[in-house]
N, C-alpha and C. Protein backbone atom coordinates (compact mmCIF):
# COMPACT_ATOMS: atom_id res chain seq x y z
N MET A 1 0.90 -1.21 0.05
CA MET A 1 0.07 0.01 -0.04
C MET A 1 0.98 1.25 -0.05
N LEU A 2 0.58 2.22 -0.82
CA LEU A 2 1.37 3.46 -0.91
C LEU A 2 0.44 4.56 -0.64
N ILE A 3 0.90 5.38 0.27
CA ILE A 3 0.20 6.67 0.71
C ILE A 3 1.16 7.79 0.40
N GLU A 4 0.60 8.75 -0.50
CA GLU A 4 1.40 9.88 -0.82
C GLU A 4 0.86 11.20 -0.19
N GLN A 5 1.75 11.90 0.40
CA GLN A 5 1.42 13.18 0.92
C GLN A 5 2.13 14.24 0.18
N THR A 6 1.36 15.20 -0.29
CA THR A 6 1.91 16.34 -1.18
C THR A 6 1.81 17.53 -0.51
N PHE A 7 3.01 18.36 -0.57
CA PHE A 7 2.93 19.65 0.08
C PHE A 7 3.07 20.68 -1.19
N ALA A 8 2.34 21.72 -1.10
CA ALA A 8 2.44 22.83 -2.21
C ALA A 8 3.98 23.44 -2.09
N ARG A 9 4.54 23.44 -3.12
CA ARG A 9 5.90 24.10 -3.28
C ARG A 9 5.87 25.54 -3.62
N GLY A 10 6.90 26.15 -3.11
CA GLY A 10 7.00 27.75 -3.32
C GLY A 10 7.34 27.91 -4.78
N GLN A 11 7.40 29.16 -5.16
CA GLN A 11 7.62 29.54 -6.63
C GLN A 11 9.03 29.02 -7.02
N ARG A 12 9.97 28.94 -6.11
CA ARG A 12 11.38 28.67 -6.31
C ARG A 12 11.41 27.21 -6.53
N GLY A 13 10.53 26.40 -5.96
CA GLY A 13 10.47 24.93 -6.07
C GLY A 13 11.35 24.31 -5.10
N ASP A 14 12.10 24.97 -4.16
CA ASP A 14 13.11 24.30 -3.33
C ASP A 14 12.65 24.45 -1.86
N GLU A 15 11.56 25.04 -1.62
CA GLU A 15 11.20 25.34 -0.19
C GLU A 15 9.69 25.03 -0.05
N VAL A 16 9.38 24.59 1.10
CA VAL A 16 7.88 24.37 1.55
C VAL A 16 7.62 25.22 2.73
N THR A 17 6.59 26.00 2.67
CA THR A 17 6.06 26.84 3.64
C THR A 17 5.00 26.18 4.49
N THR A 18 5.27 26.13 5.77
CA THR A 18 4.39 25.52 6.69
C THR A 18 3.11 26.43 6.95
N ALA A 19 2.15 25.93 7.58
CA ALA A 19 0.88 26.76 7.92
C ALA A 19 1.19 27.82 8.80
N ILE A 20 2.26 27.85 9.69
CA ILE A 20 2.54 28.91 10.53
C ILE A 20 3.69 29.81 9.93
N GLY A 21 4.00 29.61 8.69
CA GLY A 21 4.85 30.53 8.09
C GLY A 21 6.41 30.24 8.06
N GLN A 22 6.71 28.98 8.76
CA GLN A 22 8.02 28.64 8.80
C GLN A 22 8.45 28.02 7.38
N THR A 23 9.74 27.99 7.09
CA THR A 23 10.16 27.50 5.72
C THR A 23 11.05 26.26 5.98
N ALA A 24 10.76 25.22 5.35
CA ALA A 24 11.65 24.08 5.44
C ALA A 24 12.23 23.75 4.12
N THR A 25 13.42 23.28 4.00
CA THR A 25 14.25 22.93 2.76
C THR A 25 13.53 21.63 2.10
N ASP A 26 13.47 21.64 0.91
CA ASP A 26 12.90 20.44 0.31
C ASP A 26 13.86 19.31 0.41
N ARG A 27 13.37 18.14 0.65
CA ARG A 27 14.33 16.86 0.81
C ARG A 27 13.97 15.88 0.03
N ARG A 28 14.30 16.11 -1.29
CA ARG A 28 13.99 15.11 -2.31
C ARG A 28 14.74 13.76 -2.19
N GLY A 29 15.83 13.70 -1.63
CA GLY A 29 16.70 12.57 -1.50
C GLY A 29 16.39 11.75 -0.19
N MET A 30 15.20 12.07 0.50
CA MET A 30 15.10 11.36 1.77
C MET A 30 14.42 9.95 1.48
N GLU A 31 14.82 8.97 2.30
CA GLU A 31 14.15 7.72 2.28
C GLU A 31 12.69 7.76 2.59
N PRO A 32 11.82 6.96 1.99
CA PRO A 32 10.40 6.87 2.51
C PRO A 32 10.26 6.40 3.85
N LEU A 33 9.17 6.85 4.48
CA LEU A 33 8.79 6.26 5.68
C LEU A 33 7.98 5.00 5.52
N LYS A 34 8.36 3.93 6.42
CA LYS A 34 7.56 2.84 6.27
C LYS A 34 6.95 2.41 7.65
N VAL A 35 5.68 2.28 7.72
CA VAL A 35 4.93 2.02 9.06
C VAL A 35 4.15 0.82 8.95
N THR A 36 4.21 -0.10 9.95
CA THR A 36 3.43 -1.24 10.09
C THR A 36 2.22 -1.00 11.01
N LEU A 37 0.97 -1.37 10.54
CA LEU A 37 -0.15 -1.04 11.30
C LEU A 37 -0.92 -2.35 11.50
N LYS A 38 -1.66 -2.49 12.67
CA LYS A 38 -2.34 -3.71 12.91
C LYS A 38 -3.85 -3.41 13.12
N ARG A 39 -4.65 -4.35 12.37
CA ARG A 39 -6.11 -4.19 12.52
C ARG A 39 -6.58 -4.25 13.97
N VAL A 40 -7.43 -3.24 14.32
CA VAL A 40 -7.92 -3.23 15.71
C VAL A 40 -9.38 -3.14 15.75
N LYS A 41 -10.14 -2.63 14.82
CA LYS A 41 -11.55 -2.48 14.89
C LYS A 41 -12.26 -2.42 13.55
N GLU A 42 -13.40 -3.00 13.52
CA GLU A 42 -14.14 -2.87 12.16
C GLU A 42 -15.38 -2.04 12.52
N THR A 43 -15.70 -1.08 11.58
CA THR A 43 -16.93 -0.29 11.74
C THR A 43 -17.86 -0.76 10.53
N LYS A 44 -18.86 -0.02 10.40
CA LYS A 44 -19.82 -0.44 9.22
C LYS A 44 -19.20 -0.27 8.01
N ASN A 45 -18.46 0.64 7.63
CA ASN A 45 -17.79 0.84 6.22
C ASN A 45 -16.27 0.87 6.34
N THR A 46 -15.62 0.76 7.46
CA THR A 46 -14.28 0.94 7.42
C THR A 46 -13.61 -0.18 8.42
N ILE A 47 -12.21 -0.25 8.15
CA ILE A 47 -11.40 -1.13 9.06
C ILE A 47 -10.34 -0.13 9.69
N ARG A 48 -10.28 -0.16 11.06
CA ARG A 48 -9.29 0.68 11.64
C ARG A 48 -8.06 0.01 12.00
N TYR A 49 -6.93 0.57 11.66
CA TYR A 49 -5.48 0.06 11.79
C TYR A 49 -4.83 0.94 12.79
N GLU A 50 -4.04 0.57 13.59
CA GLU A 50 -3.23 1.29 14.52
C GLU A 50 -1.82 0.95 14.30
N GLU A 51 -0.97 1.90 14.45
CA GLU A 51 0.51 1.74 14.29
C GLU A 51 1.13 0.93 15.38
N LEU A 52 1.89 -0.02 15.06
CA LEU A 52 2.45 -0.83 16.32
C LEU A 52 3.43 0.06 17.01
N GLU A 53 3.56 -0.24 18.33
CA GLU A 53 4.36 0.51 19.15
C GLU A 53 5.82 0.30 18.96
N GLY A 54 6.62 1.41 19.00
CA GLY A 54 8.00 1.17 18.81
C GLY A 54 8.64 2.21 19.76
N GLY A 55 9.99 2.38 19.61
CA GLY A 55 10.73 3.29 20.44
C GLY A 55 10.64 4.70 20.02
N GLU A 56 9.91 4.98 19.07
CA GLU A 56 9.68 6.50 18.49
C GLU A 56 8.34 6.84 18.64
N PRO A 57 8.05 8.22 18.48
CA PRO A 57 6.61 8.69 18.42
C PRO A 57 5.97 8.14 17.11
N PRO A 58 4.71 7.97 17.16
CA PRO A 58 3.93 7.37 15.99
C PRO A 58 4.17 8.30 14.64
N ILE A 59 4.22 7.73 13.56
CA ILE A 59 4.23 8.51 12.30
C ILE A 59 2.73 8.76 11.85
N VAL A 60 2.03 7.74 11.85
CA VAL A 60 0.58 7.82 11.42
C VAL A 60 -0.44 7.71 12.56
N GLY A 61 -0.15 6.82 13.54
CA GLY A 61 -1.14 6.71 14.59
C GLY A 61 -2.17 5.75 14.27
N THR A 62 -3.29 6.29 13.79
CA THR A 62 -4.43 5.47 13.34
C THR A 62 -4.72 5.72 11.96
N LEU A 63 -5.09 4.65 11.21
CA LEU A 63 -5.48 4.89 9.71
C LEU A 63 -6.80 4.00 9.58
N TYR A 64 -7.74 4.66 8.93
CA TYR A 64 -8.97 4.15 8.59
C TYR A 64 -8.99 3.73 6.99
N LEU A 65 -9.37 2.51 6.76
CA LEU A 65 -9.56 2.21 5.25
C LEU A 65 -10.84 1.82 5.11
N GLN A 66 -11.34 2.03 3.85
CA GLN A 66 -12.66 1.61 3.45
C GLN A 66 -12.70 0.18 3.35
N LYS A 67 -13.72 -0.62 3.70
CA LYS A 67 -13.84 -2.08 3.67
C LYS A 67 -13.57 -2.59 2.23
N TRP A 68 -14.09 -1.89 1.20
CA TRP A 68 -13.85 -2.40 -0.15
C TRP A 68 -12.32 -2.43 -0.50
N ALA A 69 -11.57 -1.37 -0.04
CA ALA A 69 -10.07 -1.42 -0.26
C ALA A 69 -9.51 -2.74 0.48
N THR A 70 -9.87 -2.94 1.61
CA THR A 70 -9.16 -3.92 2.49
C THR A 70 -9.55 -5.31 1.88
N HIS A 71 -10.78 -5.31 1.18
CA HIS A 71 -11.14 -6.78 0.70
C HIS A 71 -10.25 -6.99 -0.59
N ARG A 72 -9.80 -5.91 -1.33
CA ARG A 72 -8.94 -6.09 -2.37
C ARG A 72 -7.49 -6.63 -1.98
N LEU A 73 -7.23 -6.39 -0.73
CA LEU A 73 -6.04 -6.85 -0.13
C LEU A 73 -6.22 -8.23 0.59
N GLU A 74 -7.31 -8.83 0.47
CA GLU A 74 -7.73 -10.06 1.17
C GLU A 74 -7.83 -9.89 2.65
N ASP A 75 -8.32 -8.70 3.13
CA ASP A 75 -8.52 -8.47 4.57
C ASP A 75 -7.40 -8.81 5.44
N PRO A 76 -6.22 -8.07 5.34
CA PRO A 76 -5.13 -8.43 6.19
C PRO A 76 -5.20 -7.98 7.55
N GLU A 77 -4.55 -8.67 8.43
CA GLU A 77 -4.51 -8.32 9.86
C GLU A 77 -3.52 -7.28 10.02
N THR A 78 -2.40 -7.19 9.32
CA THR A 78 -1.45 -6.14 9.30
C THR A 78 -1.14 -5.65 8.05
N ILE A 79 -0.83 -4.31 7.96
CA ILE A 79 -0.51 -3.71 6.63
C ILE A 79 0.69 -2.80 6.80
N THR A 80 1.43 -2.61 5.73
CA THR A 80 2.55 -1.65 5.75
C THR A 80 2.21 -0.55 4.91
N ALA A 81 2.48 0.68 5.45
CA ALA A 81 2.16 1.95 4.66
C ALA A 81 3.48 2.63 4.32
N THR A 82 3.67 2.98 3.10
CA THR A 82 4.93 3.67 2.75
C THR A 82 4.56 5.18 2.40
N ILE A 83 5.23 5.93 2.99
CA ILE A 83 5.03 7.46 2.84
C ILE A 83 6.10 8.12 2.24
N GLU A 84 5.94 8.74 1.07
CA GLU A 84 7.04 9.46 0.48
C GLU A 84 6.57 10.80 -0.21
N ALA A 85 7.51 11.60 -0.46
CA ALA A 85 7.06 12.84 -1.08
C ALA A 85 6.80 12.61 -2.57
N ALA A 86 5.75 13.13 -3.13
CA ALA A 86 5.40 13.19 -4.49
C ALA A 86 6.43 13.68 -5.42
N GLN A 87 6.67 13.18 -6.48
CA GLN A 87 7.72 13.56 -7.54
C GLN A 87 7.44 14.85 -8.08
N ASN A 88 6.15 15.03 -8.55
CA ASN A 88 5.72 16.19 -9.28
C ASN A 88 4.49 16.62 -8.46
N ALA A 89 4.70 17.57 -7.52
CA ALA A 89 3.55 18.13 -6.81
C ALA A 89 2.60 19.02 -7.72
N PRO A 90 1.27 18.84 -7.74
CA PRO A 90 0.38 19.54 -8.70
C PRO A 90 0.44 20.97 -8.02
N SER A 91 0.20 21.91 -8.99
CA SER A 91 0.14 23.44 -8.47
C SER A 91 -1.14 23.80 -7.87
N ALA A 92 -1.16 24.58 -6.82
CA ALA A 92 -2.32 24.87 -6.04
C ALA A 92 -3.07 25.97 -6.67
């Protein structure tokens, strides 16, 4: 499973401005984040997965997936989510 998180890039393309006005340098060469999550609850239309505890603060915490999507994965008890920066962020 691949989850992409896209941030709007500044006009220069090398900086990302956060919601509070701070600027962070673009890190295109960074390794993707990989998170393992375990199934904990089923609701009417979703399956709730929670990140396995480790020695670091959670990256995702809780993730809800639609049941139809988990059925395509044959209803796994654990999933791995990979989070990486999008290669070509769409303009806002």
